[in-house]
Amino acid sequence: MATISDAWELYANLVLSSSPANCIRTETGRWNNHILKYFGTSLPVESITNKSLLSFRAVLVKKRLSPQTITHCLSLLRRVLHRAQQWELCDSKLPNFDMPKFDNKRVRFLTKSEASTLLIALSAKSQIWHDIGLLALNTGLRAGEIFSLHPSHFDRHNSVLYIFETKSNRNRTIPLNAKALEVLQRNSTQCRRFIFEEHERQIKNVNRIFSDSVKMCQLNASTQDRRQKVVFHTLRHTFASWLVQSGTPLIVVSQLLGHKTLQMTMRYAHLAPSQGASAVKALEQFVDYVNIGTCL
């Protein structure tokens, strides 16, 4: 009888292995740190029931994990079990997966003054983290995408970055403004494997330099709501928010962010309420009519 570890091994080798490195690392961590620790290695796949899933979910809640993290863990387990059924490792019906319902979207973005203050604080602690932050603000790249950049991804001639390891598994090209170009020219050397390295090693996580700088700037001093707290991902939201506020169409913002659907970008629509009125007003130049009242 196939065990949960048998199902994971097949899933990891046949499905997960083709994912970007950061995705493999994240999913493997979820499996080992949460799923495997609860169910163990030898539990038969067919022994996983609705009741055991509810108990597992309760344990994750007790760990004080966020609703989104709990959803990610349940979703991963569901995918592994679904594949196990497809590969005929089990004949039983899959249990029901009741996912937490939540609105976990971060809405915080920085003002220009806050961004400047944060960059100054980062620069005082680390030039490389100042440059990483400045690049994120001017490209909207995720942390993992920045950390995975190779010198060959930087096209100096055309002033673009080629992004290959993405969350959506879709490659994209990012145009670079003067500030982003300056950062990349300063850090991109052919002797390095990655554009940003510390102690000649790839940076894999956002370290305490960033969080300490945020704390020093007191950017989170007035809130306990995690959706309002400034984290590294806030720089990506700031990039998108500033673009929308400057009049950039949402479809362009969506393409730059690498969103799978435009719906994911709609969270920024409220930042440009006047765009609709401006768009309708633009139609006036195409309308040519005679006031009916003058013809009576």
C-alpha atoms as a PDB file:
ATOM      1  CA  MET A   1       0.000   0.000   0.000  1.00  0.00           C
ATOM      2  CA  ALA A   2       1.467   3.357  -1.077  1.00  0.00           C
ATOM      3  CA  THR A   3       2.438   5.756   1.686  1.00  0.00           C
ATOM      4  CA  ILE A   4       2.276   9.512   1.735  1.00  0.00           C
ATOM      5  CA  SER A   5       6.060   9.580   1.273  1.00  0.00           C
ATOM      6  CA  ASP A   6       5.736   7.429  -1.868  1.00  0.00           C
ATOM      7  CA  ALA A   7       3.240   9.930  -3.269  1.00  0.00           C
ATOM      8  CA  TRP A   8       5.509  12.882  -2.438  1.00  0.00           C
ATOM      9  CA  GLU A   9       8.580  11.268  -3.970  1.00  0.00           C
ATOM     10  CA  LEU A  10       6.778  10.749  -7.278  1.00  0.00           C
ATOM     11  CA  TYR A  11       5.294  14.244  -7.211  1.00  0.00           C
ATOM     12  CA  ALA A  12       8.679  15.812  -6.427  1.00  0.00           C
ATOM     13  CA  ASN A  13      10.463  13.894  -9.195  1.00  0.00           C
ATOM     14  CA  LEU A  14       7.815  14.045 -11.929  1.00  0.00           C
ATOM     15  CA  VAL A  15       6.058  17.371 -11.341  1.00  0.00           C
ATOM     16  CA  LEU A  16       7.859  19.677  -8.936  1.00  0.00           C
ATOM     17  CA  SER A  17      11.303  19.093 -10.443  1.00  0.00           C
ATOM     18  CA  SER A  18      10.404  21.140 -13.530  1.00  0.00           C
ATOM     19  CA  SER A  19       9.476  24.205 -11.446  1.00  0.00           C
ATOM     20  CA  PRO A  20      11.792  27.176 -10.753  1.00  0.00           C
ATOM     21  CA  ALA A  21      14.379  26.612  -8.012  1.00  0.00           C
ATOM     22  CA  ASN A  22      12.699  28.994  -5.561  1.00  0.00           C
ATOM     23  CA  CYS A  23       9.372  27.183  -6.031  1.00  0.00           C
ATOM     24  CA  ILE A  24      11.003  23.788  -5.392  1.00  0.00           C
ATOM     25  CA  ARG A  25      12.637  25.158  -2.254  1.00  0.00           C
ATOM     26  CA  THR A  26       9.392  26.655  -0.944  1.00  0.00           C
ATOM     27  CA  GLU A  27       7.187  23.639  -1.648  1.00  0.00           C
ATOM     28  CA  THR A  28       9.733  21.199  -0.206  1.00  0.00           C
ATOM     29  CA  GLY A  29       9.917  23.329   2.918  1.00  0.00           C
ATOM     30  CA  ARG A  30       6.133  23.272   3.319  1.00  0.00           C
ATOM     31  CA  TRP A  31       6.089  19.507   2.908  1.00  0.00           C
ATOM     32  CA  ASN A  32       8.900  18.781   5.361  1.00  0.00           C
ATOM     33  CA  ASN A  33       8.082  21.409   7.976  1.00  0.00           C
ATOM     34  CA  HIS A  34       4.314  21.005   8.147  1.00  0.00           C
ATOM     35  CA  ILE A  35       2.787  18.105   6.207  1.00  0.00           C
ATOM     36  CA  LEU A  36       5.394  15.426   6.881  1.00  0.00           C
ATOM     37  CA  LYS A  37       5.770  16.445  10.519  1.00  0.00           C
ATOM     38  CA  TYR A  38       2.060  15.912  11.090  1.00  0.00           C
ATOM     39  CA  PHE A  39       1.296  12.809   9.019  1.00  0.00           C
ATOM     40  CA  GLY A  40       4.668  11.051   9.267  1.00  0.00           C
ATOM     41  CA  THR A  41       6.432   9.091   6.514  1.00  0.00           C
ATOM     42  CA  SER A  42       4.647   5.738   6.652  1.00  0.00           C
ATOM     43  CA  LEU A  43       0.967   6.738   6.667  1.00  0.00           C
ATOM     44  CA  PRO A  44      -0.928   5.039   3.793  1.00  0.00           C
ATOM     45  CA  VAL A  45      -2.405   7.523   1.331  1.00  0.00           C
ATOM     46  CA  GLU A  46      -5.827   5.914   1.681  1.00  0.00           C
ATOM     47  CA  SER A  47      -5.798   6.620   5.434  1.00  0.00           C
ATOM     48  CA  ILE A  48      -6.071  10.369   4.937  1.00  0.00           C
ATOM     49  CA  THR A  49      -9.697  11.250   5.704  1.00  0.00           C
ATOM     50  CA  ASN A  50     -11.837  14.356   6.046  1.00  0.00           C
ATOM     51  CA  LYS A  51     -11.379  14.128   9.817  1.00  0.00           C
ATOM     52  CA  SER A  52      -7.587  13.891   9.631  1.00  0.00           C
ATOM     53  CA  LEU A  53      -7.502  16.897   7.291  1.00  0.00           C
ATOM     54  CA  LEU A  54      -9.544  18.963   9.750  1.00  0.00           C
ATOM     55  CA  SER A  55      -7.173  17.924  12.549  1.00  0.00           C
ATOM     56  CA  PHE A  56      -4.174  18.875  10.393  1.00  0.00           C
ATOM     57  CA  ARG A  57      -5.699  22.261   9.651  1.00  0.00           C
ATOM     58  CA  ALA A  58      -6.336  22.838  13.370  1.00  0.00           C
ATOM     59  CA  VAL A  59      -2.672  22.118  14.124  1.00  0.00           C
ATOM     60  CA  LEU A  60      -1.569  24.654  11.496  1.00  0.00           C
ATOM     61  CA  VAL A  61      -3.857  27.247  13.097  1.00  0.00           C
ATOM     62  CA  LYS A  62      -2.327  26.518  16.511  1.00  0.00           C
ATOM     63  CA  LYS A  63       1.089  27.193  14.996  1.00  0.00           C
ATOM     64  CA  ARG A  64      -0.276  30.684  14.299  1.00  0.00           C
ATOM     65  CA  LEU A  65       0.425  30.358  10.597  1.00  0.00           C
ATOM     66  CA  SER A  66      -1.277  32.889   8.347  1.00  0.00           C
ATOM     67  CA  PRO A  67      -4.452  31.800   6.500  1.00  0.00           C
ATOM     68  CA  GLN A  68      -2.509  32.047   3.242  1.00  0.00           C
ATOM     69  CA  THR A  69       0.240  29.705   4.487  1.00  0.00           C
ATOM     70  CA  ILE A  70      -2.392  27.229   5.678  1.00  0.00           C
ATOM     71  CA  THR A  71      -4.019  27.375   2.255  1.00  0.00           C
ATOM     72  CA  HIS A  72      -0.657  26.758   0.569  1.00  0.00           C
ATOM     73  CA  CYS A  73      -0.051  23.664   2.740  1.00  0.00           C
ATOM     74  CA  LEU A  74      -3.514  22.228   2.093  1.00  0.00           C
ATOM     75  CA  SER A  75      -3.234  22.985  -1.601  1.00  0.00           C
ATOM     76  CA  LEU A  76       0.118  21.200  -1.842  1.00  0.00           C
ATOM     77  CA  LEU A  77      -1.241  18.125  -0.061  1.00  0.00           C
ATOM     78  CA  ARG A  78      -4.296  18.118  -2.334  1.00  0.00           C
ATOM     79  CA  ARG A  79      -2.100  18.225  -5.453  1.00  0.00           C
ATOM     80  CA  VAL A  80       0.073  15.367  -4.192  1.00  0.00           C
ATOM     81  CA  LEU A  81      -2.961  13.205  -3.359  1.00  0.00           C
ATOM     82  CA  HIS A  82      -4.598  14.009  -6.680  1.00  0.00           C
ATOM     83  CA  ARG A  83      -1.481  12.887  -8.528  1.00  0.00           C
ATOM     84  CA  ALA A  84      -1.312   9.748  -6.383  1.00  0.00           C
ATOM     85  CA  GLN A  85      -4.830   8.900  -7.490  1.00  0.00           C
ATOM     86  CA  GLN A  86      -3.955   9.596 -11.137  1.00  0.00           C
ATOM     87  CA  TRP A  87      -0.932   7.327 -10.886  1.00  0.00           C
ATOM     88  CA  GLU A  88      -3.081   4.585  -9.300  1.00  0.00           C
ATOM     89  CA  LEU A  89      -1.283   4.631  -5.968  1.00  0.00           C
ATOM     90  CA  CYS A  90      -4.680   4.574  -4.298  1.00  0.00           C
ATOM     91  CA  ASP A  91      -8.268   3.706  -5.226  1.00  0.00           C
ATOM     92  CA  SER A  92     -10.130   5.594  -2.538  1.00  0.00           C
ATOM     93  CA  LYS A  93     -11.997   8.838  -3.068  1.00  0.00           C
ATOM     94  CA  LEU A  94     -10.025  11.955  -2.203  1.00  0.00           C
ATOM     95  CA  PRO A  95     -11.071  13.744   1.009  1.00  0.00           C
ATOM     96  CA  ASN A  96     -12.675  17.170   0.891  1.00  0.00           C
ATOM     97  CA  PHE A  97     -10.367  20.154   1.199  1.00  0.00           C
ATOM     98  CA  ASP A  98     -12.082  23.108   2.899  1.00  0.00           C
ATOM     99  CA  MET A  99      -9.779  26.055   2.276  1.00  0.00           C
ATOM    100  CA  PRO A 100      -9.694  29.070   4.621  1.00  0.00           C
ATOM    101  CA  LYS A 101     -11.504  32.100   3.241  1.00  0.00           C
ATOM    102  CA  PHE A 102      -9.576  35.311   3.689  1.00  0.00           C
ATOM    103  CA  ASP A 103      -8.469  38.544   2.110  1.00  0.00           C
ATOM    104  CA  ASN A 104      -4.739  38.497   2.669  1.00  0.00           C
ATOM    105  CA  LYS A 105      -3.725  41.006   0.011  1.00  0.00           C
ATOM    106  CA  ARG A 106      -1.166  43.536   1.133  1.00  0.00           C
ATOM    107  CA  VAL A 107      -2.277  47.054   0.287  1.00  0.00           C
ATOM    108  CA  ARG A 108       0.548  49.136   1.740  1.00  0.00           C
ATOM    109  CA  PHE A 109       2.831  51.106  -0.560  1.00  0.00           C
ATOM    110  CA  LEU A 110       5.449  53.728   0.180  1.00  0.00           C
ATOM    111  CA  THR A 111       5.247  57.450  -0.406  1.00  0.00           C
ATOM    112  CA  LYS A 112       8.207  59.007  -2.195  1.00  0.00           C
ATOM    113  CA  SER A 113       9.406  60.423   1.109  1.00  0.00           C
ATOM    114  CA  GLU A 114       9.185  57.036   2.847  1.00  0.00           C
ATOM    115  CA  ALA A 115      11.017  55.347  -0.030  1.00  0.00           C
ATOM    116  CA  SER A 116      13.835  57.899   0.135  1.00  0.00           C
ATOM    117  CA  THR A 117      14.127  57.503   3.905  1.00  0.00           C
ATOM    118  CA  LEU A 118      14.283  53.703   3.588  1.00  0.00           C
ATOM    119  CA  LEU A 119      16.918  53.819   0.851  1.00  0.00           C
ATOM    120  CA  ILE A 120      19.087  56.137   2.949  1.00  0.00           C
ATOM    121  CA  ALA A 121      18.806  53.732   5.897  1.00  0.00           C
ATOM    122  CA  LEU A 122      19.684  50.758   3.688  1.00  0.00           C
ATOM    123  CA  SER A 123      22.662  52.593   2.223  1.00  0.00           C
ATOM    124  CA  ALA A 124      24.020  53.261   5.710  1.00  0.00           C
ATOM    125  CA  LYS A 125      23.949  49.538   6.470  1.00  0.00           C
ATOM    126  CA  SER A 126      24.763  47.931   3.126  1.00  0.00           C
ATOM    127  CA  GLN A 127      25.364  49.249  -0.387  1.00  0.00           C
ATOM    128  CA  ILE A 128      24.202  45.989  -1.937  1.00  0.00           C
ATOM    129  CA  TRP A 129      20.890  46.028  -0.062  1.00  0.00           C
ATOM    130  CA  HIS A 130      20.406  49.666  -1.016  1.00  0.00           C
ATOM    131  CA  ASP A 131      20.873  48.632  -4.651  1.00  0.00           C
ATOM    132  CA  ILE A 132      18.518  45.641  -4.309  1.00  0.00           C
ATOM    133  CA  GLY A 133      15.845  47.899  -2.814  1.00  0.00           C
ATOM    134  CA  LEU A 134      16.331  50.564  -5.472  1.00  0.00           C
ATOM    135  CA  LEU A 135      16.079  47.962  -8.238  1.00  0.00           C
ATOM    136  CA  ALA A 136      12.875  46.542  -6.745  1.00  0.00           C
ATOM    137  CA  LEU A 137      11.313  50.002  -6.603  1.00  0.00           C
ATOM    138  CA  ASN A 138      12.141  50.658 -10.264  1.00  0.00           C
ATOM    139  CA  THR A 139      11.298  47.242 -11.755  1.00  0.00           C
ATOM    140  CA  GLY A 140       8.661  45.674  -9.506  1.00  0.00           C
ATOM    141  CA  LEU A 141      10.658  42.440  -9.366  1.00  0.00           C
ATOM    142  CA  ARG A 142       9.966  39.929  -6.623  1.00  0.00           C
ATOM    143  CA  ALA A 143      12.786  39.169  -4.178  1.00  0.00           C
ATOM    144  CA  GLY A 144      13.321  35.689  -5.638  1.00  0.00           C
ATOM    145  CA  GLU A 145      13.529  37.105  -9.151  1.00  0.00           C
ATOM    146  CA  ILE A 146      16.191  39.603  -8.085  1.00  0.00           C
ATOM    147  CA  PHE A 147      18.217  36.985  -6.247  1.00  0.00           C
ATOM    148  CA  SER A 148      18.149  34.704  -9.327  1.00  0.00           C
ATOM    149  CA  LEU A 149      19.504  37.322 -11.731  1.00  0.00           C
ATOM    150  CA  HIS A 150      22.634  36.352 -13.666  1.00  0.00           C
ATOM    151  CA  PRO A 151      24.843  38.893 -15.478  1.00  0.00           C
ATOM    152  CA  SER A 152      23.660  37.368 -18.779  1.00  0.00           C
ATOM    153  CA  HIS A 153      20.085  38.414 -17.938  1.00  0.00           C
ATOM    154  CA  PHE A 154      21.097  42.070 -18.175  1.00  0.00           C
ATOM    155  CA  ASP A 155      21.019  43.377 -21.754  1.00  0.00           C
ATOM    156  CA  ARG A 156      23.003  46.619 -21.599  1.00  0.00           C
ATOM    157  CA  HIS A 157      22.555  47.387 -25.292  1.00  0.00           C
ATOM    158  CA  ASN A 158      18.746  47.334 -25.171  1.00  0.00           C
ATOM    159  CA  SER A 159      18.418  48.439 -21.517  1.00  0.00           C
ATOM    160  CA  VAL A 160      16.273  45.488 -20.483  1.00  0.00           C
ATOM    161  CA  LEU A 161      16.291  42.603 -18.014  1.00  0.00           C
ATOM    162  CA  TYR A 162      15.234  39.100 -19.006  1.00  0.00           C
ATOM    163  CA  ILE A 163      13.370  37.362 -16.190  1.00  0.00           C
ATOM    164  CA  PHE A 164      13.248  33.573 -16.414  1.00  0.00           C
ATOM    165  CA  GLU A 165      12.525  32.090 -12.983  1.00  0.00           C
ATOM    166  CA  THR A 166       9.112  33.561 -12.220  1.00  0.00           C
ATOM    167  CA  LYS A 167       6.271  32.703  -9.879  1.00  0.00           C
ATOM    168  CA  SER A 168       3.877  32.432 -12.835  1.00  0.00           C
ATOM    169  CA  ASN A 169       6.348  30.317 -14.856  1.00  0.00           C
ATOM    170  CA  ARG A 170       6.167  32.919 -17.633  1.00  0.00           C
ATOM    171  CA  ASN A 171       9.326  34.588 -18.857  1.00  0.00           C
ATOM    172  CA  ARG A 172       9.141  38.347 -19.307  1.00  0.00           C
ATOM    173  CA  THR A 173      11.260  41.301 -20.363  1.00  0.00           C
ATOM    174  CA  ILE A 174      11.576  44.344 -18.097  1.00  0.00           C
ATOM    175  CA  PRO A 175      12.553  47.747 -19.565  1.00  0.00           C
ATOM    176  CA  LEU A 176      15.022  49.625 -17.395  1.00  0.00           C
ATOM    177  CA  ASN A 177      14.984  53.283 -16.431  1.00  0.00           C
ATOM    178  CA  ALA A 178      18.129  55.267 -15.579  1.00  0.00           C
ATOM    179  CA  LYS A 179      18.145  54.321 -11.886  1.00  0.00           C
ATOM    180  CA  ALA A 180      17.731  50.601 -12.565  1.00  0.00           C
ATOM    181  CA  LEU A 181      20.451  50.765 -15.230  1.00  0.00           C
ATOM    182  CA  GLU A 182      22.832  52.434 -12.785  1.00  0.00           C
ATOM    183  CA  VAL A 183      22.261  49.699 -10.194  1.00  0.00           C
ATOM    184  CA  LEU A 184      22.808  46.880 -12.684  1.00  0.00           C
ATOM    185  CA  GLN A 185      25.893  48.435 -14.243  1.00  0.00           C
ATOM    186  CA  ARG A 186      27.379  48.830 -10.787  1.00  0.00           C
ATOM    187  CA  ASN A 187      26.715  45.237  -9.730  1.00  0.00           C
ATOM    188  CA  SER A 188      26.824  43.182 -12.918  1.00  0.00           C
ATOM    189  CA  THR A 189      30.290  41.727 -13.380  1.00  0.00           C
ATOM    190  CA  GLN A 190      31.115  38.653 -15.435  1.00  0.00           C
ATOM    191  CA  CYS A 191      33.214  37.164 -12.645  1.00  0.00           C
ATOM    192  CA  ARG A 192      30.079  36.605 -10.579  1.00  0.00           C
ATOM    193  CA  ARG A 193      27.531  33.876 -11.108  1.00  0.00           C
ATOM    194  CA  PHE A 194      24.725  36.087  -9.770  1.00  0.00           C
ATOM    195  CA  ILE A 195      24.381  39.848 -10.061  1.00  0.00           C
ATOM    196  CA  PHE A 196      23.836  40.219  -6.306  1.00  0.00           C
ATOM    197  CA  GLU A 197      26.058  38.151  -4.041  1.00  0.00           C
ATOM    198  CA  GLU A 198      27.212  38.334  -0.435  1.00  0.00           C
ATOM    199  CA  HIS A 199      30.516  36.725   0.513  1.00  0.00           C
ATOM    200  CA  GLU A 200      30.707  35.320  -3.028  1.00  0.00           C
ATOM    201  CA  ARG A 201      27.458  33.399  -2.534  1.00  0.00           C
ATOM    202  CA  GLN A 202      23.975  33.801  -3.930  1.00  0.00           C
ATOM    203  CA  ILE A 203      21.565  35.749  -1.738  1.00  0.00           C
ATOM    204  CA  LYS A 204      18.576  33.475  -1.145  1.00  0.00           C
ATOM    205  CA  ASN A 205      16.494  35.376   1.401  1.00  0.00           C
ATOM    206  CA  VAL A 206      15.711  38.891   2.540  1.00  0.00           C
ATOM    207  CA  ASN A 207      17.929  39.289   5.592  1.00  0.00           C
ATOM    208  CA  ARG A 208      17.718  41.401   8.717  1.00  0.00           C
ATOM    209  CA  ILE A 209      19.390  44.386   7.098  1.00  0.00           C
ATOM    210  CA  PHE A 210      16.113  45.176   5.366  1.00  0.00           C
ATOM    211  CA  SER A 211      13.835  44.567   8.369  1.00  0.00           C
ATOM    212  CA  ASP A 212      16.172  46.498  10.674  1.00  0.00           C
ATOM    213  CA  SER A 213      16.148  49.437   8.246  1.00  0.00           C
ATOM    214  CA  VAL A 214      12.346  49.388   8.132  1.00  0.00           C
ATOM    215  CA  LYS A 215      12.282  49.371  11.927  1.00  0.00           C
ATOM    216  CA  MET A 216      14.781  52.226  12.132  1.00  0.00           C
ATOM    217  CA  CYS A 217      12.571  54.296   9.811  1.00  0.00           C
ATOM    218  CA  GLN A 218       9.531  53.433  12.002  1.00  0.00           C
ATOM    219  CA  LEU A 219       7.503  52.496   8.919  1.00  0.00           C
ATOM    220  CA  ASN A 220       5.488  49.917  10.883  1.00  0.00           C
ATOM    221  CA  ALA A 221       5.227  51.796  14.139  1.00  0.00           C
ATOM    222  CA  SER A 222       1.568  52.724  13.753  1.00  0.00           C
ATOM    223  CA  THR A 223       0.005  49.412  12.676  1.00  0.00           C
ATOM    224  CA  GLN A 224      -0.436  45.812  13.810  1.00  0.00           C
ATOM    225  CA  ASP A 225      -2.273  44.738  10.654  1.00  0.00           C
ATOM    226  CA  ARG A 226       0.126  42.549   8.671  1.00  0.00           C
ATOM    227  CA  ARG A 227      -1.487  43.728   5.417  1.00  0.00           C
ATOM    228  CA  GLN A 228      -0.398  47.263   6.246  1.00  0.00           C
ATOM    229  CA  LYS A 229       3.128  46.411   7.338  1.00  0.00           C
ATOM    230  CA  VAL A 230       6.115  47.271   5.189  1.00  0.00           C
ATOM    231  CA  VAL A 231       8.007  44.189   4.017  1.00  0.00           C
ATOM    232  CA  PHE A 232      10.272  43.663   1.018  1.00  0.00           C
ATOM    233  CA  HIS A 233       7.248  42.846  -1.173  1.00  0.00           C
ATOM    234  CA  THR A 234       5.966  46.352  -0.394  1.00  0.00           C
ATOM    235  CA  LEU A 235       8.544  47.651  -2.878  1.00  0.00           C
ATOM    236  CA  ARG A 236       6.776  45.717  -5.642  1.00  0.00           C
ATOM    237  CA  HIS A 237       3.420  47.177  -4.590  1.00  0.00           C
ATOM    238  CA  THR A 238       5.007  50.625  -4.528  1.00  0.00           C
ATOM    239  CA  PHE A 239       6.309  50.199  -8.087  1.00  0.00           C
ATOM    240  CA  ALA A 240       2.822  49.260  -9.305  1.00  0.00           C
ATOM    241  CA  SER A 241       1.050  51.942  -7.281  1.00  0.00           C
ATOM    242  CA  TRP A 242       3.304  54.730  -8.519  1.00  0.00           C
ATOM    243  CA  LEU A 243       2.804  53.613 -12.133  1.00  0.00           C
ATOM    244  CA  VAL A 244      -0.983  53.625 -11.806  1.00  0.00           C
ATOM    245  CA  GLN A 245      -0.955  57.008 -10.071  1.00  0.00           C
ATOM    246  CA  SER A 246       1.118  58.414 -12.924  1.00  0.00           C
ATOM    247  CA  GLY A 247      -1.486  57.307 -15.463  1.00  0.00           C
ATOM    248  CA  THR A 248      -0.017  54.022 -16.704  1.00  0.00           C
ATOM    249  CA  PRO A 249      -2.789  51.705 -17.987  1.00  0.00           C
ATOM    250  CA  LEU A 250      -3.481  48.680 -15.806  1.00  0.00           C
ATOM    251  CA  ILE A 251      -2.768  46.265 -18.659  1.00  0.00           C
ATOM    252  CA  VAL A 252       0.782  47.650 -18.942  1.00  0.00           C
ATOM    253  CA  VAL A 253       1.277  47.411 -15.177  1.00  0.00           C
ATOM    254  CA  SER A 254       0.016  43.832 -15.312  1.00  0.00           C
ATOM    255  CA  GLN A 255       2.529  42.914 -18.010  1.00  0.00           C
ATOM    256  CA  LEU A 256       5.423  44.493 -16.116  1.00  0.00           C
ATOM    257  CA  LEU A 257       4.474  42.661 -12.914  1.00  0.00           C
ATOM    258  CA  GLY A 258       4.093  39.358 -14.747  1.00  0.00           C
ATOM    259  CA  HIS A 259       0.576  38.747 -13.465  1.00  0.00           C
ATOM    260  CA  LYS A 260      -1.270  35.763 -14.933  1.00  0.00           C
ATOM    261  CA  THR A 261      -4.510  37.716 -15.232  1.00  0.00           C
ATOM    262  CA  LEU A 262      -5.542  41.369 -15.259  1.00  0.00           C
ATOM    263  CA  GLN A 263      -7.771  40.629 -12.263  1.00  0.00           C
ATOM    264  CA  MET A 264      -4.647  40.354 -10.113  1.00  0.00           C
ATOM    265  CA  THR A 265      -3.734  43.926 -11.073  1.00  0.00           C
ATOM    266  CA  MET A 266      -7.184  45.358 -10.365  1.00  0.00           C
ATOM    267  CA  ARG A 267      -6.270  45.890  -6.709  1.00  0.00           C
ATOM    268  CA  TYR A 268      -4.483  49.066  -7.893  1.00  0.00           C
ATOM    269  CA  ALA A 269      -7.441  50.433  -9.907  1.00  0.00           C
ATOM    270  CA  HIS A 270      -8.661  52.627  -7.037  1.00  0.00           C
ATOM    271  CA  LEU A 271      -5.431  54.630  -7.218  1.00  0.00           C
ATOM    272  CA  ALA A 272      -6.484  56.193 -10.519  1.00  0.00           C
ATOM    273  CA  PRO A 273     -10.212  57.008 -10.156  1.00  0.00           C
ATOM    274  CA  SER A 274      -9.952  59.847 -12.673  1.00  0.00           C
ATOM    275  CA  GLN A 275      -8.757  57.631 -15.529  1.00  0.00           C
ATOM    276  CA  GLY A 276     -12.309  56.564 -16.368  1.00  0.00           C
ATOM    277  CA  ALA A 277     -13.549  60.143 -16.525  1.00  0.00           C
ATOM    278  CA  SER A 278     -10.568  61.166 -18.651  1.00  0.00           C
ATOM    279  CA  ALA A 279     -11.152  58.266 -21.022  1.00  0.00           C
ATOM    280  CA  VAL A 280     -14.801  59.195 -21.557  1.00  0.00           C
ATOM    281  CA  LYS A 281     -13.948  62.871 -21.984  1.00  0.00           C
ATOM    282  CA  ALA A 282     -11.490  61.930 -24.727  1.00  0.00           C
ATOM    283  CA  LEU A 283     -14.433  60.707 -26.824  1.00  0.00           C
ATOM    284  CA  GLU A 284     -15.684  64.275 -27.214  1.00  0.00           C
ATOM    285  CA  GLN A 285     -13.207  64.919 -30.020  1.00  0.00           C
ATOM    286  CA  PHE A 286     -14.843  62.147 -32.058  1.00  0.00           C
ATOM    287  CA  VAL A 287     -18.435  63.272 -31.535  1.00  0.00           C
ATOM    288  CA  ASP A 288     -19.675  65.785 -34.102  1.00  0.00           C
ATOM    289  CA  TYR A 289     -23.304  66.745 -33.777  1.00  0.00           C
ATOM    290  CA  VAL A 290     -25.592  69.738 -33.903  1.00  0.00           C
ATOM    291  CA  ASN A 291     -27.463  70.659 -30.760  1.00  0.00           C
ATOM    292  CA  ILE A 292     -31.049  69.556 -31.369  1.00  0.00           C
ATOM    293  CA  GLY A 293     -32.330  72.656 -29.617  1.00  0.00           C
ATOM    294  CA  THR A 294     -30.892  74.898 -32.343  1.00  0.00           C
ATOM    295  CA  CYS A 295     -32.807  73.034 -35.019  1.00  0.00           C
ATOM    296  CA  LEU A 296     -36.249  73.523 -33.507  1.00  0.00           C
END
